Amino acid sequence: MSKKLAVAILNWNGKNWLEKFLPDVVRFSENADVYVIDNLSTDDSIEFLQTHFPTIKIIKNNKNYGFAGGYNEGLKEIKNEYYCLLNSDVEVTENWIDPVLDLFEKDSSISAIQPKILSFNNKNYFEFAGAAGGLIDNLGYPYCRGRVFDDLEEDRGQYDDETEIFWASGCCFFIRSKDFWEQQGFDERFFAHQEEIDLCWRLINSGKKIFYTGKSKVYHVGGGTLNKQSTQKTYLNIRNNLSMMLKNLPFPKLIWLIFFRLCLDGIAGIYFGLKQGFPHLWAVVRAHFGFYGQALETLKLRQKFQKEKFYQSKWLIFQHFLGGKK
């Protein structure tokens, strides 16, 4: 008989991560079914799982669909009431599941939840991908409680609360399966990066809530599947952020806002080019053309209703880089 929660780990050539972190997932997830969704790995991940974790259910995708498509494809075979989408480079801790399930049971309007996400390599500090819950500013820049751009806070218990947020991190993303499929899952065109923010934004526009709980804690390595300095990561983040804004912002706000963001991206591209080399500037240019290429299809995906107030702070990029606010 299936349990209420399914922990689903997406894997692509990640045998080393599975070897390091899967034992604790199994150990501390007795109240969940554990799955590995494999994106057609070419290493020996499957053989490793079959030999060392014969009770874990393996779902084999027929190609590498990326993060978004990989989960959409694999989760079709999982029928539990709740999903936890867990990166393979995450160390879970004792009692990491119960506080999340308690929140789901308390409030049926909560669609997605994330735990406190700390750095595996510096365990007293928050981790870039999610920290203590995701927020967004009025220009569409994502940030977190505990992380603004690249500045990370030390965990001193300041975020041990349970509170509503704007987006939950994809590295440890709990969601009601019903709500996931009502939104048709992740936007597969994103491939990877910010697809969870887009999904949370769609959920909020449909009247749902996203929450954070500091009663649950995990440690994330970060950059385990794509290097932080990767030009492909720059490309995906910029293209996907623009597409997400076009899909979810209310009219007429999105017109001036996207134009302003395109200008800011141009300035950032010149900075990247001077600091890190021409390929990073070119990644910004490619991202803009990628956004233009998807724009008509993106417009067709807009929901009937977009909330007017979507942001939690204003002009974050200027406050941070010009005002020194951290």
C-alpha atoms as a PDB file:
ATOM      1  CA  MET A   1       0.000   0.000   0.000  1.00  0.00           C
ATOM      2  CA  SER A   2       1.367   3.435  -0.971  1.00  0.00           C
ATOM      3  CA  LYS A   3       2.213   5.934   1.755  1.00  0.00           C
ATOM      4  CA  LYS A   4       0.964   9.519   1.600  1.00  0.00           C
ATOM      5  CA  LEU A   5       4.352  10.885   0.519  1.00  0.00           C
ATOM      6  CA  ALA A   6       6.629   9.879  -2.335  1.00  0.00           C
ATOM      7  CA  VAL A   7      10.233  11.123  -2.243  1.00  0.00           C
ATOM      8  CA  ALA A   8      11.329  11.324  -5.874  1.00  0.00           C
ATOM      9  CA  ILE A   9      15.011  11.849  -6.693  1.00  0.00           C
ATOM     10  CA  LEU A  10      15.833  12.807 -10.271  1.00  0.00           C
ATOM     11  CA  ASN A  11      19.111  11.294 -11.396  1.00  0.00           C
ATOM     12  CA  TRP A  12      21.371  11.788 -14.373  1.00  0.00           C
ATOM     13  CA  ASN A  13      24.831  10.232 -14.091  1.00  0.00           C
ATOM     14  CA  GLY A  14      24.728  10.910 -10.368  1.00  0.00           C
ATOM     15  CA  LYS A  15      25.866   7.600  -8.911  1.00  0.00           C
ATOM     16  CA  ASN A  16      28.382   9.369  -6.636  1.00  0.00           C
ATOM     17  CA  TRP A  17      25.648  11.570  -5.169  1.00  0.00           C
ATOM     18  CA  LEU A  18      23.328   8.581  -4.684  1.00  0.00           C
ATOM     19  CA  GLU A  19      26.100   6.667  -2.975  1.00  0.00           C
ATOM     20  CA  LYS A  20      26.763   9.573  -0.622  1.00  0.00           C
ATOM     21  CA  PHE A  21      23.257  10.776   0.250  1.00  0.00           C
ATOM     22  CA  LEU A  22      20.716   8.045  -0.526  1.00  0.00           C
ATOM     23  CA  PRO A  23      21.427   5.993   2.653  1.00  0.00           C
ATOM     24  CA  ASP A  24      20.165   8.836   4.868  1.00  0.00           C
ATOM     25  CA  VAL A  25      17.136   9.415   2.621  1.00  0.00           C
ATOM     26  CA  VAL A  26      16.161   5.769   3.134  1.00  0.00           C
ATOM     27  CA  ARG A  27      17.020   5.860   6.828  1.00  0.00           C
ATOM     28  CA  PHE A  28      15.000   8.996   7.634  1.00  0.00           C
ATOM     29  CA  SER A  29      12.057   8.429   5.270  1.00  0.00           C
ATOM     30  CA  GLU A  30      10.248   5.484   6.793  1.00  0.00           C
ATOM     31  CA  ASN A  31       6.918   7.281   6.326  1.00  0.00           C
ATOM     32  CA  ALA A  32       7.491   7.748   2.578  1.00  0.00           C
ATOM     33  CA  ASP A  33       7.932   5.726  -0.599  1.00  0.00           C
ATOM     34  CA  VAL A  34      11.324   6.444  -2.176  1.00  0.00           C
ATOM     35  CA  TYR A  35      11.737   6.610  -5.951  1.00  0.00           C
ATOM     36  CA  VAL A  36      14.650   7.370  -8.256  1.00  0.00           C
ATOM     37  CA  ILE A  37      13.664   8.809 -11.632  1.00  0.00           C
ATOM     38  CA  ASP A  38      16.560   8.219 -14.015  1.00  0.00           C
ATOM     39  CA  ASN A  39      17.073  10.541 -17.016  1.00  0.00           C
ATOM     40  CA  LEU A  40      18.794   7.868 -19.167  1.00  0.00           C
ATOM     41  CA  SER A  41      22.080   7.898 -17.255  1.00  0.00           C
ATOM     42  CA  THR A  42      25.161   6.569 -19.004  1.00  0.00           C
ATOM     43  CA  ASP A  43      27.038   5.762 -15.785  1.00  0.00           C
ATOM     44  CA  ASP A  44      26.275   2.738 -13.599  1.00  0.00           C
ATOM     45  CA  SER A  45      23.606   4.463 -11.455  1.00  0.00           C
ATOM     46  CA  ILE A  46      20.936   1.840 -12.223  1.00  0.00           C
ATOM     47  CA  GLU A  47      23.227  -1.096 -11.483  1.00  0.00           C
ATOM     48  CA  PHE A  48      24.300   0.565  -8.229  1.00  0.00           C
ATOM     49  CA  LEU A  49      20.677   1.046  -7.131  1.00  0.00           C
ATOM     50  CA  GLN A  50      19.649  -2.472  -8.063  1.00  0.00           C
ATOM     51  CA  THR A  51      22.587  -3.920  -6.128  1.00  0.00           C
ATOM     52  CA  HIS A  52      22.599  -1.761  -2.998  1.00  0.00           C
ATOM     53  CA  PHE A  53      19.005  -0.480  -2.755  1.00  0.00           C
ATOM     54  CA  PRO A  54      16.791  -3.235  -4.183  1.00  0.00           C
ATOM     55  CA  THR A  55      13.669  -1.915  -2.391  1.00  0.00           C
ATOM     56  CA  ILE A  56      13.844   1.526  -4.032  1.00  0.00           C
ATOM     57  CA  LYS A  57      11.515   1.941  -6.972  1.00  0.00           C
ATOM     58  CA  ILE A  58      13.312   2.973 -10.186  1.00  0.00           C
ATOM     59  CA  ILE A  59      11.545   4.845 -12.991  1.00  0.00           C
ATOM     60  CA  LYS A  60      13.524   4.932 -16.243  1.00  0.00           C
ATOM     61  CA  ASN A  61      12.953   7.861 -18.583  1.00  0.00           C
ATOM     62  CA  ASN A  62      13.772   7.158 -22.243  1.00  0.00           C
ATOM     63  CA  LYS A  63      15.989  10.274 -22.593  1.00  0.00           C
ATOM     64  CA  ASN A  64      17.439  13.159 -20.584  1.00  0.00           C
ATOM     65  CA  TYR A  65      14.436  15.476 -20.298  1.00  0.00           C
ATOM     66  CA  GLY A  66      16.215  17.921 -17.973  1.00  0.00           C
ATOM     67  CA  PHE A  67      14.872  18.810 -14.543  1.00  0.00           C
ATOM     68  CA  ALA A  68      11.436  20.034 -15.624  1.00  0.00           C
ATOM     69  CA  GLY A  69      10.630  17.376 -18.207  1.00  0.00           C
ATOM     70  CA  GLY A  70      12.355  14.629 -16.234  1.00  0.00           C
ATOM     71  CA  TYR A  71      10.054  15.129 -13.270  1.00  0.00           C
ATOM     72  CA  ASN A  72       6.967  15.595 -15.441  1.00  0.00           C
ATOM     73  CA  GLU A  73       7.680  12.297 -17.166  1.00  0.00           C
ATOM     74  CA  GLY A  74       8.675  10.307 -14.092  1.00  0.00           C
ATOM     75  CA  LEU A  75       5.941  11.542 -11.755  1.00  0.00           C
ATOM     76  CA  LYS A  76       3.268  10.227 -14.120  1.00  0.00           C
ATOM     77  CA  GLU A  77       3.997   6.816 -12.607  1.00  0.00           C
ATOM     78  CA  ILE A  78       3.770   7.943  -8.962  1.00  0.00           C
ATOM     79  CA  LYS A  79       0.300   8.061  -7.404  1.00  0.00           C
ATOM     80  CA  ASN A  80       0.977   9.278  -3.843  1.00  0.00           C
ATOM     81  CA  GLU A  81      -0.959  12.211  -2.378  1.00  0.00           C
ATOM     82  CA  TYR A  82       2.186  14.312  -1.858  1.00  0.00           C
ATOM     83  CA  TYR A  83       5.462  14.523  -3.752  1.00  0.00           C
ATOM     84  CA  CYS A  84       8.869  15.551  -2.452  1.00  0.00           C
ATOM     85  CA  LEU A  85      11.133  16.395  -5.373  1.00  0.00           C
ATOM     86  CA  LEU A  86      14.607  15.966  -3.888  1.00  0.00           C
ATOM     87  CA  ASN A  87      17.945  16.737  -5.534  1.00  0.00           C
ATOM     88  CA  SER A  88      20.427  13.888  -5.426  1.00  0.00           C
ATOM     89  CA  ASP A  89      23.018  16.172  -3.738  1.00  0.00           C
ATOM     90  CA  VAL A  90      20.889  16.849  -0.636  1.00  0.00           C
ATOM     91  CA  GLU A  91      21.602  15.444   2.838  1.00  0.00           C
ATOM     92  CA  VAL A  92      18.363  14.989   4.763  1.00  0.00           C
ATOM     93  CA  THR A  93      18.091  14.908   8.544  1.00  0.00           C
ATOM     94  CA  GLU A  94      16.057  13.075  11.136  1.00  0.00           C
ATOM     95  CA  ASN A  95      12.396  14.184  11.231  1.00  0.00           C
ATOM     96  CA  TRP A  96      12.675  16.168   8.001  1.00  0.00           C
ATOM     97  CA  ILE A  97       9.282  14.940   6.710  1.00  0.00           C
ATOM     98  CA  ASP A  98       6.782  15.167   9.591  1.00  0.00           C
ATOM     99  CA  PRO A  99       6.709  18.990   9.963  1.00  0.00           C
ATOM    100  CA  VAL A 100       5.939  19.315   6.264  1.00  0.00           C
ATOM    101  CA  LEU A 101       3.128  16.773   6.326  1.00  0.00           C
ATOM    102  CA  ASP A 102       1.703  18.454   9.439  1.00  0.00           C
ATOM    103  CA  LEU A 103       1.520  21.772   7.558  1.00  0.00           C
ATOM    104  CA  PHE A 104      -0.215  20.158   4.594  1.00  0.00           C
ATOM    105  CA  GLU A 105      -2.769  18.553   6.912  1.00  0.00           C
ATOM    106  CA  LYS A 106      -3.436  21.824   8.780  1.00  0.00           C
ATOM    107  CA  ASP A 107      -4.242  23.936   5.725  1.00  0.00           C
ATOM    108  CA  SER A 108      -5.660  22.531   2.496  1.00  0.00           C
ATOM    109  CA  SER A 109      -4.893  25.787   0.636  1.00  0.00           C
ATOM    110  CA  ILE A 110      -1.132  25.164   0.962  1.00  0.00           C
ATOM    111  CA  SER A 111       0.122  23.658  -2.292  1.00  0.00           C
ATOM    112  CA  ALA A 112       3.903  23.599  -1.894  1.00  0.00           C
ATOM    113  CA  ILE A 113       6.359  23.682   1.018  1.00  0.00           C
ATOM    114  CA  GLN A 114      10.123  23.834   1.429  1.00  0.00           C
ATOM    115  CA  PRO A 115      12.276  23.158   4.512  1.00  0.00           C
ATOM    116  CA  LYS A 116      15.233  25.166   5.785  1.00  0.00           C
ATOM    117  CA  ILE A 117      18.038  24.636   3.266  1.00  0.00           C
ATOM    118  CA  LEU A 118      21.581  24.985   4.604  1.00  0.00           C
ATOM    119  CA  SER A 119      24.922  24.559   2.859  1.00  0.00           C
ATOM    120  CA  PHE A 120      26.426  21.089   3.030  1.00  0.00           C
ATOM    121  CA  ASN A 121      29.926  22.539   2.698  1.00  0.00           C
ATOM    122  CA  ASN A 122      29.408  25.287   5.283  1.00  0.00           C
ATOM    123  CA  LYS A 123      26.704  23.987   7.566  1.00  0.00           C
ATOM    124  CA  ASN A 124      26.233  27.138   9.646  1.00  0.00           C
ATOM    125  CA  TYR A 125      25.170  29.106   6.565  1.00  0.00           C
ATOM    126  CA  PHE A 126      22.159  29.056   4.294  1.00  0.00           C
ATOM    127  CA  GLU A 127      22.466  27.584   0.818  1.00  0.00           C
ATOM    128  CA  PHE A 128      21.954  29.584  -2.362  1.00  0.00           C
ATOM    129  CA  ALA A 129      19.116  27.475  -3.793  1.00  0.00           C
ATOM    130  CA  GLY A 130      16.216  28.244  -1.481  1.00  0.00           C
ATOM    131  CA  ALA A 131      17.746  29.177   1.890  1.00  0.00           C
ATOM    132  CA  ALA A 132      14.764  29.982   4.172  1.00  0.00           C
ATOM    133  CA  GLY A 133      12.151  30.412   1.469  1.00  0.00           C
ATOM    134  CA  GLY A 134      11.937  32.173  -1.864  1.00  0.00           C
ATOM    135  CA  LEU A 135      10.620  35.698  -2.492  1.00  0.00           C
ATOM    136  CA  ILE A 136      10.582  38.032  -5.529  1.00  0.00           C
ATOM    137  CA  ASP A 137      11.001  41.767  -6.031  1.00  0.00           C
ATOM    138  CA  ASN A 138       9.014  44.160  -8.208  1.00  0.00           C
ATOM    139  CA  LEU A 139      11.447  43.667 -11.123  1.00  0.00           C
ATOM    140  CA  GLY A 140      11.019  39.893 -11.059  1.00  0.00           C
ATOM    141  CA  TYR A 141      14.362  39.087  -9.407  1.00  0.00           C
ATOM    142  CA  PRO A 142      14.122  36.000  -7.176  1.00  0.00           C
ATOM    143  CA  TYR A 143      15.843  36.050  -3.798  1.00  0.00           C
ATOM    144  CA  CYS A 144      15.471  34.239  -0.469  1.00  0.00           C
ATOM    145  CA  ARG A 145      15.194  34.850   3.212  1.00  0.00           C
ATOM    146  CA  GLY A 146      18.813  34.217   4.111  1.00  0.00           C
ATOM    147  CA  ARG A 147      20.186  34.879   0.602  1.00  0.00           C
ATOM    148  CA  VAL A 148      20.182  38.014  -1.547  1.00  0.00           C
ATOM    149  CA  PHE A 149      21.932  37.454  -4.893  1.00  0.00           C
ATOM    150  CA  ASP A 150      25.259  35.842  -3.824  1.00  0.00           C
ATOM    151  CA  ASP A 151      25.261  37.039  -0.196  1.00  0.00           C
ATOM    152  CA  LEU A 152      24.395  34.310   2.300  1.00  0.00           C
ATOM    153  CA  GLU A 153      23.422  34.696   5.959  1.00  0.00           C
ATOM    154  CA  GLU A 154      24.614  32.614   8.855  1.00  0.00           C
ATOM    155  CA  ASP A 155      21.863  30.516  10.408  1.00  0.00           C
ATOM    156  CA  ARG A 156      21.330  31.910  13.904  1.00  0.00           C
ATOM    157  CA  GLY A 157      17.780  30.643  14.285  1.00  0.00           C
ATOM    158  CA  GLN A 158      16.328  33.802  12.733  1.00  0.00           C
ATOM    159  CA  TYR A 159      14.273  31.718  10.284  1.00  0.00           C
ATOM    160  CA  ASP A 160      13.047  28.913  12.541  1.00  0.00           C
ATOM    161  CA  ASP A 161       9.467  29.958  11.820  1.00  0.00           C
ATOM    162  CA  GLU A 162       6.696  28.692   9.560  1.00  0.00           C
ATOM    163  CA  THR A 163       5.518  31.304   7.111  1.00  0.00           C
ATOM    164  CA  GLU A 164       4.060  31.966   3.699  1.00  0.00           C
ATOM    165  CA  ILE A 165       6.615  32.570   0.927  1.00  0.00           C
ATOM    166  CA  PHE A 166       6.466  33.186  -2.817  1.00  0.00           C
ATOM    167  CA  TRP A 167       8.388  30.165  -4.130  1.00  0.00           C
ATOM    168  CA  ALA A 168       9.753  26.916  -2.762  1.00  0.00           C
ATOM    169  CA  SER A 169      13.144  25.631  -3.846  1.00  0.00           C
ATOM    170  CA  GLY A 170      13.300  22.827  -6.396  1.00  0.00           C
ATOM    171  CA  CYS A 171      16.173  21.184  -4.536  1.00  0.00           C
ATOM    172  CA  CYS A 172      13.701  20.009  -1.849  1.00  0.00           C
ATOM    173  CA  PHE A 173      10.209  20.739  -3.133  1.00  0.00           C
ATOM    174  CA  PHE A 174       7.133  19.300  -1.440  1.00  0.00           C
ATOM    175  CA  ILE A 175       3.849  19.619  -3.363  1.00  0.00           C
ATOM    176  CA  ARG A 176       0.379  18.116  -3.415  1.00  0.00           C
ATOM    177  CA  SER A 177       0.261  15.817  -6.429  1.00  0.00           C
ATOM    178  CA  LYS A 178      -3.254  17.042  -7.252  1.00  0.00           C
ATOM    179  CA  ASP A 179      -2.049  20.646  -7.505  1.00  0.00           C
ATOM    180  CA  PHE A 180       1.032  19.664  -9.493  1.00  0.00           C
ATOM    181  CA  TRP A 181      -1.069  18.019 -12.185  1.00  0.00           C
ATOM    182  CA  GLU A 182      -3.804  20.681 -12.156  1.00  0.00           C
ATOM    183  CA  GLN A 183      -1.030  23.068 -13.257  1.00  0.00           C
ATOM    184  CA  GLN A 184       0.230  20.463 -15.763  1.00  0.00           C
ATOM    185  CA  GLY A 185       3.494  20.218 -13.878  1.00  0.00           C
ATOM    186  CA  PHE A 186       6.614  22.159 -14.742  1.00  0.00           C
ATOM    187  CA  ASP A 187       6.991  24.112 -17.972  1.00  0.00           C
ATOM    188  CA  GLU A 188       9.238  21.690 -19.873  1.00  0.00           C
ATOM    189  CA  ARG A 189      10.530  24.437 -22.152  1.00  0.00           C
ATOM    190  CA  PHE A 190      12.526  25.715 -19.167  1.00  0.00           C
ATOM    191  CA  PHE A 191      14.596  22.465 -19.126  1.00  0.00           C
ATOM    192  CA  ALA A 192      16.170  23.566 -15.822  1.00  0.00           C
ATOM    193  CA  HIS A 193      16.328  26.660 -13.561  1.00  0.00           C
ATOM    194  CA  GLN A 194      13.398  28.694 -12.213  1.00  0.00           C
ATOM    195  CA  GLU A 195      10.768  26.159 -13.298  1.00  0.00           C
ATOM    196  CA  GLU A 196       9.783  25.800  -9.637  1.00  0.00           C
ATOM    197  CA  ILE A 197       9.341  29.583  -9.312  1.00  0.00           C
ATOM    198  CA  ASP A 198       7.129  29.608 -12.384  1.00  0.00           C
ATOM    199  CA  LEU A 199       5.034  26.739 -10.988  1.00  0.00           C
ATOM    200  CA  CYS A 200       4.671  28.462  -7.599  1.00  0.00           C
ATOM    201  CA  TRP A 201       3.662  31.713  -9.305  1.00  0.00           C
ATOM    202  CA  ARG A 202       0.968  29.871 -11.264  1.00  0.00           C
ATOM    203  CA  LEU A 203      -0.265  28.248  -8.056  1.00  0.00           C
ATOM    204  CA  ILE A 204      -0.449  31.644  -6.313  1.00  0.00           C
ATOM    205  CA  ASN A 205      -2.336  33.125  -9.270  1.00  0.00           C
ATOM    206  CA  SER A 206      -4.821  30.260  -8.912  1.00  0.00           C
ATOM    207  CA  GLY A 207      -5.414  31.081  -5.213  1.00  0.00           C
ATOM    208  CA  LYS A 208      -3.027  28.632  -3.529  1.00  0.00           C
ATOM    209  CA  LYS A 209      -0.333  29.230  -0.882  1.00  0.00           C
ATOM    210  CA  ILE A 210       3.378  28.395  -0.772  1.00  0.00           C
ATOM    211  CA  PHE A 211       4.960  27.830   2.652  1.00  0.00           C
ATOM    212  CA  TYR A 212       8.271  27.415   4.439  1.00  0.00           C
ATOM    213  CA  THR A 213       8.916  25.485   7.634  1.00  0.00           C
ATOM    214  CA  GLY A 214      12.051  25.934   9.712  1.00  0.00           C
ATOM    215  CA  LYS A 215      11.132  22.817  11.689  1.00  0.00           C
ATOM    216  CA  SER A 216      12.517  20.696   8.844  1.00  0.00           C
ATOM    217  CA  LYS A 217      16.163  20.974   7.789  1.00  0.00           C
ATOM    218  CA  VAL A 218      18.294  19.675   4.903  1.00  0.00           C
ATOM    219  CA  TYR A 219      21.816  20.372   3.606  1.00  0.00           C
ATOM    220  CA  HIS A 220      22.415  21.021  -0.091  1.00  0.00           C
ATOM    221  CA  VAL A 221      25.755  20.730  -1.884  1.00  0.00           C
ATOM    222  CA  GLY A 222      24.626  23.018  -4.719  1.00  0.00           C
ATOM    223  CA  GLY A 223      26.017  23.099  -8.244  1.00  0.00           C
ATOM    224  CA  GLY A 224      26.111  19.305  -8.231  1.00  0.00           C
ATOM    225  CA  THR A 225      24.696  19.033 -11.747  1.00  0.00           C
ATOM    226  CA  LEU A 226      25.616  22.386 -13.346  1.00  0.00           C
ATOM    227  CA  ASN A 227      28.583  24.567 -12.437  1.00  0.00           C
ATOM    228  CA  LYS A 228      27.746  27.977 -10.983  1.00  0.00           C
ATOM    229  CA  GLN A 229      29.943  29.695 -13.611  1.00  0.00           C
ATOM    230  CA  SER A 230      28.354  27.797 -16.517  1.00  0.00           C
ATOM    231  CA  THR A 231      27.302  29.965 -19.476  1.00  0.00           C
ATOM    232  CA  GLN A 232      24.432  27.527 -19.990  1.00  0.00           C
ATOM    233  CA  LYS A 233      23.211  28.308 -16.476  1.00  0.00           C
ATOM    234  CA  THR A 234      23.343  32.047 -17.271  1.00  0.00           C
ATOM    235  CA  TYR A 235      21.387  31.426 -20.471  1.00  0.00           C
ATOM    236  CA  LEU A 236      18.699  29.322 -18.798  1.00  0.00           C
ATOM    237  CA  ASN A 237      18.256  31.637 -15.818  1.00  0.00           C
ATOM    238  CA  ILE A 238      17.788  34.776 -17.938  1.00  0.00           C
ATOM    239  CA  ARG A 239      15.603  33.188 -20.633  1.00  0.00           C
ATOM    240  CA  ASN A 240      13.425  31.358 -18.129  1.00  0.00           C
ATOM    241  CA  ASN A 241      13.024  34.373 -15.855  1.00  0.00           C
ATOM    242  CA  LEU A 242      11.770  36.497 -18.747  1.00  0.00           C
ATOM    243  CA  SER A 243       9.373  33.774 -19.916  1.00  0.00           C
ATOM    244  CA  MET A 244       8.088  33.326 -16.374  1.00  0.00           C
ATOM    245  CA  MET A 245       7.358  37.049 -16.099  1.00  0.00           C
ATOM    246  CA  LEU A 246       5.582  37.152 -19.465  1.00  0.00           C
ATOM    247  CA  LYS A 247       3.419  34.226 -18.394  1.00  0.00           C
ATOM    248  CA  ASN A 248       2.501  35.366 -14.883  1.00  0.00           C
ATOM    249  CA  LEU A 249       2.594  39.171 -14.608  1.00  0.00           C
ATOM    250  CA  PRO A 250      -0.627  41.191 -14.916  1.00  0.00           C
ATOM    251  CA  PHE A 251      -1.176  43.496 -17.899  1.00  0.00           C
ATOM    252  CA  PRO A 252      -0.144  46.279 -18.474  1.00  0.00           C
ATOM    253  CA  LYS A 253       2.620  45.970 -15.864  1.00  0.00           C
ATOM    254  CA  LEU A 254       4.430  43.254 -17.762  1.00  0.00           C
ATOM    255  CA  ILE A 255       5.057  45.471 -20.830  1.00  0.00           C
ATOM    256  CA  TRP A 256       7.204  48.144 -19.151  1.00  0.00           C
ATOM    257  CA  LEU A 257       8.689  45.697 -16.682  1.00  0.00           C
ATOM    258  CA  ILE A 258       9.965  43.242 -19.271  1.00  0.00           C
ATOM    259  CA  PHE A 259      11.375  46.097 -21.385  1.00  0.00           C
ATOM    260  CA  PHE A 260      13.198  47.437 -18.294  1.00  0.00           C
ATOM    261  CA  ARG A 261      14.527  43.968 -17.488  1.00  0.00           C
ATOM    262  CA  LEU A 262      15.831  43.521 -21.041  1.00  0.00           C
ATOM    263  CA  CYS A 263      17.789  46.759 -20.591  1.00  0.00           C
ATOM    264  CA  LEU A 264      19.171  45.650 -17.226  1.00  0.00           C
ATOM    265  CA  ASP A 265      20.135  42.289 -18.732  1.00  0.00           C
ATOM    266  CA  GLY A 266      22.090  44.140 -21.413  1.00  0.00           C
ATOM    267  CA  ILE A 267      24.052  46.023 -18.748  1.00  0.00           C
ATOM    268  CA  ALA A 268      24.639  42.771 -16.849  1.00  0.00           C
ATOM    269  CA  GLY A 269      25.787  41.073 -20.066  1.00  0.00           C
ATOM    270  CA  ILE A 270      28.443  43.735 -20.655  1.00  0.00           C
ATOM    271  CA  TYR A 271      29.586  43.325 -17.032  1.00  0.00           C
ATOM    272  CA  PHE A 272      29.741  39.527 -17.402  1.00  0.00           C
ATOM    273  CA  GLY A 273      31.674  39.910 -20.664  1.00  0.00           C
ATOM    274  CA  LEU A 274      34.276  42.202 -19.089  1.00  0.00           C
ATOM    275  CA  LYS A 275      34.628  40.145 -15.924  1.00  0.00           C
ATOM    276  CA  GLN A 276      34.232  36.555 -17.164  1.00  0.00           C
ATOM    277  CA  GLY A 277      34.753  36.686 -20.909  1.00  0.00           C
ATOM    278  CA  PHE A 278      32.766  36.994 -24.126  1.00  0.00           C
ATOM    279  CA  PRO A 279      30.933  33.604 -23.780  1.00  0.00           C
ATOM    280  CA  HIS A 280      29.028  35.007 -20.785  1.00  0.00           C
ATOM    281  CA  LEU A 281      27.976  38.103 -22.728  1.00  0.00           C
ATOM    282  CA  TRP A 282      26.908  35.860 -25.586  1.00  0.00           C
ATOM    283  CA  ALA A 283      24.860  33.749 -23.142  1.00  0.00           C
ATOM    284  CA  VAL A 284      22.783  36.854 -22.313  1.00  0.00           C
ATOM    285  CA  VAL A 285      22.245  37.611 -26.011  1.00  0.00           C
ATOM    286  CA  ARG A 286      21.232  33.987 -26.667  1.00  0.00           C
ATOM    287  CA  ALA A 287      18.860  34.106 -23.697  1.00  0.00           C
ATOM    288  CA  HIS A 288      17.031  37.122 -25.112  1.00  0.00           C
ATOM    289  CA  PHE A 289      16.623  35.504 -28.503  1.00  0.00           C
ATOM    290  CA  GLY A 290      15.493  32.316 -26.787  1.00  0.00           C
ATOM    291  CA  PHE A 291      12.869  34.332 -24.916  1.00  0.00           C
ATOM    292  CA  TYR A 292      11.678  36.004 -28.140  1.00  0.00           C
ATOM    293  CA  GLY A 293      11.437  32.606 -29.819  1.00  0.00           C
ATOM    294  CA  GLN A 294       9.138  31.304 -27.069  1.00  0.00           C
ATOM    295  CA  ALA A 295       7.096  34.486 -26.557  1.00  0.00           C
ATOM    296  CA  LEU A 296       3.991  33.626 -28.610  1.00  0.00           C
ATOM    297  CA  GLU A 297       3.735  30.187 -27.037  1.00  0.00           C
ATOM    298  CA  THR A 298       4.311  31.695 -23.585  1.00  0.00           C
ATOM    299  CA  LEU A 299       1.451  34.165 -24.072  1.00  0.00           C
ATOM    300  CA  LYS A 300      -0.868  31.249 -24.860  1.00  0.00           C
ATOM    301  CA  LEU A 301      -0.004  29.705 -21.491  1.00  0.00           C
ATOM    302  CA  ARG A 302      -1.142  32.709 -19.444  1.00  0.00           C
ATOM    303  CA  GLN A 303      -3.888  31.954 -16.944  1.00  0.00           C
ATOM    304  CA  LYS A 304      -7.143  33.910 -16.842  1.00  0.00           C
ATOM    305  CA  PHE A 305      -6.152  35.692 -13.630  1.00  0.00           C
ATOM    306  CA  GLN A 306      -2.831  37.236 -12.514  1.00  0.00           C
ATOM    307  CA  LYS A 307      -2.512  38.794  -9.067  1.00  0.00           C
ATOM    308  CA  GLU A 308      -1.669  42.496  -9.163  1.00  0.00           C
ATOM    309  CA  LYS A 309       0.565  42.366  -6.056  1.00  0.00           C
ATOM    310  CA  PHE A 310       3.183  39.700  -6.615  1.00  0.00           C
ATOM    311  CA  TYR A 311       6.374  41.067  -5.026  1.00  0.00           C
ATOM    312  CA  GLN A 312       7.726  41.281  -1.475  1.00  0.00           C
ATOM    313  CA  SER A 313      10.253  44.097  -1.928  1.00  0.00           C
ATOM    314  CA  LYS A 314      11.025  46.891  -4.403  1.00  0.00           C
ATOM    315  CA  TRP A 315      14.120  47.614  -6.498  1.00  0.00           C
ATOM    316  CA  LEU A 316      16.179  44.903  -4.827  1.00  0.00           C
ATOM    317  CA  ILE A 317      19.009  45.035  -7.375  1.00  0.00           C
ATOM    318  CA  PHE A 318      19.570  48.758  -6.713  1.00  0.00           C
ATOM    319  CA  GLN A 319      19.236  48.392  -2.938  1.00  0.00           C
ATOM    320  CA  HIS A 320      21.789  45.581  -2.976  1.00  0.00           C
ATOM    321  CA  PHE A 321      24.430  46.702  -5.457  1.00  0.00           C
ATOM    322  CA  LEU A 322      24.167  50.485  -4.995  1.00  0.00           C
ATOM    323  CA  GLY A 323      22.861  50.703  -1.415  1.00  0.00           C
ATOM    324  CA  GLY A 324      24.826  47.781   0.037  1.00  0.00           C
ATOM    325  CA  LYS A 325      21.726  46.168   1.530  1.00  0.00           C
ATOM    326  CA  LYS A 326      22.220  42.502   2.357  1.00  0.00           C
END
